[in-house]
Amino acid sequence: MGDLSSVLSHQMFRALGDPTRIRLVDLLAERCRACSVSELADCLDVDLSVVSRHLALLRAAGVLRAAKQGRTVLYEIQFDALAESLRGIADALERARDDFVSSAPCTPSTDTDSEKGTAP
């Protein structure tokens, strides 16, 4: 499973594990353009500061990128990076599944210490 652990990002899963953050990503995808915090907050029943914190977490996880335009920060999905991460996870899972299917079934240990009831 070492292959899988190299592509799994707890930060990305944490970022995408919240319904509000998923909704923010969905809003950005629907709009097909970069949006400001206030634009996104107008679509949600959440305070502007909360939306800003959610966007910062998504950005730190590599899901979004931010670009400053004057005094406004615009957020957009990092489509290529996100797709590459998810594709890497899918590929690693398929390899792990193939390894699992092709491996011999586990057999009970014949360790003499375990038979004697002593700890290894």
C-alpha atoms as a PDB file:
ATOM      1  CA  MET A   1       0.000   0.000   0.000  1.00  0.00           C
ATOM      2  CA  GLY A   2       3.068   2.251  -0.013  1.00  0.00           C
ATOM      3  CA  ASP A   3       2.125   3.345  -3.525  1.00  0.00           C
ATOM      4  CA  LEU A   4      -1.276   4.497  -2.335  1.00  0.00           C
ATOM      5  CA  SER A   5       0.051   6.348   0.686  1.00  0.00           C
ATOM      6  CA  SER A   6       2.303   8.388  -1.580  1.00  0.00           C
ATOM      7  CA  VAL A   7      -0.692   9.868  -3.445  1.00  0.00           C
ATOM      8  CA  LEU A   8      -3.205  10.214  -0.613  1.00  0.00           C
ATOM      9  CA  SER A   9      -3.238  13.686   0.871  1.00  0.00           C
ATOM     10  CA  HIS A  10      -4.934  14.115   4.216  1.00  0.00           C
ATOM     11  CA  GLN A  11      -5.011  17.849   3.526  1.00  0.00           C
ATOM     12  CA  MET A  12      -6.972  17.381   0.304  1.00  0.00           C
ATOM     13  CA  PHE A  13      -9.404  14.938   1.907  1.00  0.00           C
ATOM     14  CA  ARG A  14      -9.860  17.255   4.875  1.00  0.00           C
ATOM     15  CA  ALA A  15     -10.499  20.149   2.505  1.00  0.00           C
ATOM     16  CA  LEU A  16     -13.012  18.201   0.428  1.00  0.00           C
ATOM     17  CA  GLY A  17     -14.615  16.545   3.464  1.00  0.00           C
ATOM     18  CA  ASP A  18     -16.783  19.529   4.377  1.00  0.00           C
ATOM     19  CA  PRO A  19     -20.157  20.194   2.695  1.00  0.00           C
ATOM     20  CA  THR A  20     -19.607  23.956   2.571  1.00  0.00           C
ATOM     21  CA  ARG A  21     -16.219  23.548   0.914  1.00  0.00           C
ATOM     22  CA  ILE A  22     -17.661  21.087  -1.601  1.00  0.00           C
ATOM     23  CA  ARG A  23     -20.383  23.638  -2.348  1.00  0.00           C
ATOM     24  CA  LEU A  24     -17.716  26.330  -2.888  1.00  0.00           C
ATOM     25  CA  VAL A  25     -15.872  24.116  -5.372  1.00  0.00           C
ATOM     26  CA  ASP A  26     -19.194  23.353  -7.052  1.00  0.00           C
ATOM     27  CA  LEU A  27     -20.043  27.070  -7.305  1.00  0.00           C
ATOM     28  CA  LEU A  28     -16.674  27.830  -8.876  1.00  0.00           C
ATOM     29  CA  ALA A  29     -17.124  24.988 -11.359  1.00  0.00           C
ATOM     30  CA  GLU A  30     -20.654  26.157 -12.254  1.00  0.00           C
ATOM     31  CA  ARG A  31     -19.505  29.718 -12.895  1.00  0.00           C
ATOM     32  CA  CYS A  32     -16.570  28.697 -15.105  1.00  0.00           C
ATOM     33  CA  ARG A  33     -14.547  31.678 -13.898  1.00  0.00           C
ATOM     34  CA  ALA A  34     -12.640  32.968 -10.916  1.00  0.00           C
ATOM     35  CA  CYS A  35     -14.814  34.480  -8.166  1.00  0.00           C
ATOM     36  CA  SER A  36     -14.275  36.718  -5.170  1.00  0.00           C
ATOM     37  CA  VAL A  37     -15.046  35.793  -1.581  1.00  0.00           C
ATOM     38  CA  SER A  38     -18.037  38.141  -1.547  1.00  0.00           C
ATOM     39  CA  GLU A  39     -19.477  36.653  -4.758  1.00  0.00           C
ATOM     40  CA  LEU A  40     -19.266  33.188  -3.275  1.00  0.00           C
ATOM     41  CA  ALA A  41     -20.585  34.270   0.135  1.00  0.00           C
ATOM     42  CA  ASP A  42     -23.659  35.754  -1.578  1.00  0.00           C
ATOM     43  CA  CYS A  43     -24.550  32.240  -2.762  1.00  0.00           C
ATOM     44  CA  LEU A  44     -24.221  30.640   0.663  1.00  0.00           C
ATOM     45  CA  ASP A  45     -25.921  31.126   3.994  1.00  0.00           C
ATOM     46  CA  VAL A  46     -22.511  31.584   5.629  1.00  0.00           C
ATOM     47  CA  ASP A  47     -20.689  34.663   6.922  1.00  0.00           C
ATOM     48  CA  LEU A  48     -18.036  36.186   4.661  1.00  0.00           C
ATOM     49  CA  SER A  49     -15.246  35.450   7.160  1.00  0.00           C
ATOM     50  CA  VAL A  50     -16.261  31.779   7.283  1.00  0.00           C
ATOM     51  CA  VAL A  51     -16.234  31.569   3.472  1.00  0.00           C
ATOM     52  CA  SER A  52     -12.805  33.179   3.476  1.00  0.00           C
ATOM     53  CA  ARG A  53     -11.473  30.560   5.919  1.00  0.00           C
ATOM     54  CA  HIS A  54     -12.959  27.737   3.820  1.00  0.00           C
ATOM     55  CA  LEU A  55     -11.343  29.151   0.685  1.00  0.00           C
ATOM     56  CA  ALA A  56      -7.988  29.452   2.456  1.00  0.00           C
ATOM     57  CA  LEU A  57      -8.151  25.799   3.480  1.00  0.00           C
ATOM     58  CA  LEU A  58      -9.031  24.720  -0.073  1.00  0.00           C
ATOM     59  CA  ARG A  59      -6.145  26.809  -1.362  1.00  0.00           C
ATOM     60  CA  ALA A  60      -3.686  25.326   1.149  1.00  0.00           C
ATOM     61  CA  ALA A  61      -4.764  21.843   0.051  1.00  0.00           C
ATOM     62  CA  GLY A  62      -4.031  22.662  -3.579  1.00  0.00           C
ATOM     63  CA  VAL A  63      -7.670  22.513  -4.681  1.00  0.00           C
ATOM     64  CA  LEU A  64      -7.908  26.248  -5.455  1.00  0.00           C
ATOM     65  CA  ARG A  65      -5.558  28.988  -6.522  1.00  0.00           C
ATOM     66  CA  ALA A  66      -5.928  32.654  -5.667  1.00  0.00           C
ATOM     67  CA  ALA A  67      -4.938  35.664  -7.730  1.00  0.00           C
ATOM     68  CA  LYS A  68      -5.037  39.210  -6.517  1.00  0.00           C
ATOM     69  CA  GLN A  69      -6.727  41.713  -8.797  1.00  0.00           C
ATOM     70  CA  GLY A  70      -6.399  45.125  -7.234  1.00  0.00           C
ATOM     71  CA  ARG A  71      -7.835  44.798  -3.718  1.00  0.00           C
ATOM     72  CA  THR A  72      -9.884  41.731  -4.648  1.00  0.00           C
ATOM     73  CA  VAL A  73      -8.705  38.142  -4.387  1.00  0.00           C
ATOM     74  CA  LEU A  74     -10.196  35.851  -7.016  1.00  0.00           C
ATOM     75  CA  TYR A  75     -10.367  32.097  -6.464  1.00  0.00           C
ATOM     76  CA  GLU A  76     -10.476  29.392  -9.102  1.00  0.00           C
ATOM     77  CA  ILE A  77     -10.213  25.629  -9.165  1.00  0.00           C
ATOM     78  CA  GLN A  78      -6.833  24.144  -9.992  1.00  0.00           C
ATOM     79  CA  PHE A  79      -8.439  21.691 -12.398  1.00  0.00           C
ATOM     80  CA  ASP A  80      -5.256  20.071 -13.699  1.00  0.00           C
ATOM     81  CA  ALA A  81      -3.653  19.622 -10.281  1.00  0.00           C
ATOM     82  CA  LEU A  82      -6.868  18.301  -8.723  1.00  0.00           C
ATOM     83  CA  ALA A  83      -7.519  15.920 -11.618  1.00  0.00           C
ATOM     84  CA  GLU A  84      -3.919  14.693 -11.459  1.00  0.00           C
ATOM     85  CA  SER A  85      -4.217  14.019  -7.720  1.00  0.00           C
ATOM     86  CA  LEU A  86      -7.506  12.169  -8.077  1.00  0.00           C
ATOM     87  CA  ARG A  87      -6.216  10.231 -11.101  1.00  0.00           C
ATOM     88  CA  GLY A  88      -3.124   9.253  -9.099  1.00  0.00           C
ATOM     89  CA  ILE A  89      -5.337   7.939  -6.298  1.00  0.00           C
ATOM     90  CA  ALA A  90      -7.489   5.998  -8.765  1.00  0.00           C
ATOM     91  CA  ASP A  91      -4.410   4.509 -10.456  1.00  0.00           C
ATOM     92  CA  ALA A  92      -2.865   3.509  -7.113  1.00  0.00           C
ATOM     93  CA  LEU A  93      -6.138   1.889  -6.016  1.00  0.00           C
ATOM     94  CA  GLU A  94      -6.325  -0.090  -9.247  1.00  0.00           C
ATOM     95  CA  ARG A  95      -2.741  -1.310  -8.791  1.00  0.00           C
ATOM     96  CA  ALA A  96      -3.475  -2.262  -5.182  1.00  0.00           C
ATOM     97  CA  ARG A  97      -6.616  -4.122  -6.300  1.00  0.00           C
ATOM     98  CA  ASP A  98      -4.658  -5.974  -8.983  1.00  0.00           C
ATOM     99  CA  ASP A  99      -1.987  -6.915  -6.435  1.00  0.00           C
ATOM    100  CA  PHE A 100      -4.693  -8.103  -4.053  1.00  0.00           C
ATOM    101  CA  VAL A 101      -6.419 -10.218  -6.698  1.00  0.00           C
ATOM    102  CA  SER A 102      -3.181 -11.800  -7.885  1.00  0.00           C
ATOM    103  CA  SER A 103      -1.716 -12.502  -4.446  1.00  0.00           C
ATOM    104  CA  ALA A 104      -2.007 -15.780  -2.583  1.00  0.00           C
ATOM    105  CA  PRO A 105      -4.589 -15.846   0.197  1.00  0.00           C
ATOM    106  CA  CYS A 106      -3.300 -15.163   3.679  1.00  0.00           C
ATOM    107  CA  THR A 107      -2.577 -18.257   5.705  1.00  0.00           C
ATOM    108  CA  PRO A 108      -2.590 -18.457   9.489  1.00  0.00           C
ATOM    109  CA  SER A 109       0.758 -17.927  11.120  1.00  0.00           C
ATOM    110  CA  THR A 110       2.559 -21.026  12.388  1.00  0.00           C
ATOM    111  CA  ASP A 111       4.736 -19.027  14.745  1.00  0.00           C
ATOM    112  CA  THR A 112       5.714 -21.337  17.613  1.00  0.00           C
ATOM    113  CA  ASP A 113       5.559 -18.453  20.135  1.00  0.00           C
ATOM    114  CA  SER A 114       1.911 -17.778  19.308  1.00  0.00           C
ATOM    115  CA  GLU A 115       1.099 -21.459  19.694  1.00  0.00           C
ATOM    116  CA  LYS A 116       2.680 -21.466  23.153  1.00  0.00           C
ATOM    117  CA  GLY A 117       0.611 -18.428  24.146  1.00  0.00           C
ATOM    118  CA  THR A 118       3.630 -16.193  24.722  1.00  0.00           C
ATOM    119  CA  ALA A 119       3.915 -12.741  23.269  1.00  0.00           C
ATOM    120  CA  PRO A 120       6.447 -12.285  20.457  1.00  0.00           C
END
